[in-house]
Amino acid sequence: MQEQKLNQIAVKAFRSLFSRCPDFCNLQSTFYGWVAFLSSEKQRVVIKFCRQPGRLCKEIQALKRLKLLIDCKVPEVIFFGQEEGQEYIVMDWVEGVPAYELPQKKQAIDIFSEHLTDLLIEMHDQPQDHGFELMANQYDAHFIPAFETWMSPVLRYLTSQNSPFSTELKKQYERLWESRVEVLSPMNDVPSFVHDDCHLGNVLFDPETYRVTAILDPADAGVKHREFDLFHLNDVRPELDLMSRYVAKSPLAEGYEARRWYFSLWDDAKHASNIGWYDEQHLLHKMKAYQRLSKC
């Protein structure tokens, strides 16, 4: 019933904007909501709905910022609307193929991987003089207190009585939190603008050249640390070895292999806090991966 309602809202929005009904409408469920792809003879757009209130407003601002800092296509927002209590944004339809569909051949892997890591390094290297971004117009010059500001509300959620997290996972996350200074101290205090969800599902490529054509869905983007992007790189298609390719060109502090799992675990906890997602076996698998590599 929910998807039928969203489909109707998407078609109505298309008709209001372009004075005709779409010839095609395909609504797909995503982690944070739903995306509708609509087209007619002259117009093609994407309409996004979100499960988390206020997230689409964050995405509009993040898209504007990302567009200024990365040298590839970023979707343009055409309209922000609300219908029957449901917020949505209408964006241009960006050409490209999702990067998780990249062909297995070496040429495709090499061209795509080099281009994506070059784009990220260029974005990460642009100066951010105010420090790590805590909220609008508030910054901290040092990474560890900034991390504490970002993640302490997440810790309160997952250790609360109403949290779906098991007793064992709560204890393990508490140990992660207690070790944060030791884990994070090797990192530098150089802030970078990050996409903060740059797994391959949010990257498109040209099927003829294999170069990156667009980067999508930067709702959590902001001035953080470059490692907030890097831990996502091997989540999908690990054989592309994107993290190692990045590090070969822009070295990281010792221990980044373990911090990949540390940040990933906190990222999952953040998603749980945002929309109630929970997958115990998935989280336990990551805990074990972190513990195998960690010295803490």
Foldseek 3Di string as FASTA:
>chain_A
DVVVVVQVVVQVVCCVVPVDGFPDWDWDADLFGIKIWTHHPPATKIKTWGPFPPLVVLQQVVLVVVVVQFPADEWHWDDWDADPNTTMTITGDFDFDQQLPQDPDPQLLVQALVQVLVRLVSQFPDADPQFFDLDVPDHDQAALVSVCSVQVVLLCQCLDPPHPDDPVVNVLVVVLVVCSCVLPVQFDRGKGWDLLQQARRQWGADNVNSYTHYGYDSSVTDTHHSLSHLLRHCVRPVVSVSNVVNCVVPNTGPPSQLVSLSSVLSVVSVSCVRNVDDDPVVNVVSSVSNVVRDPD
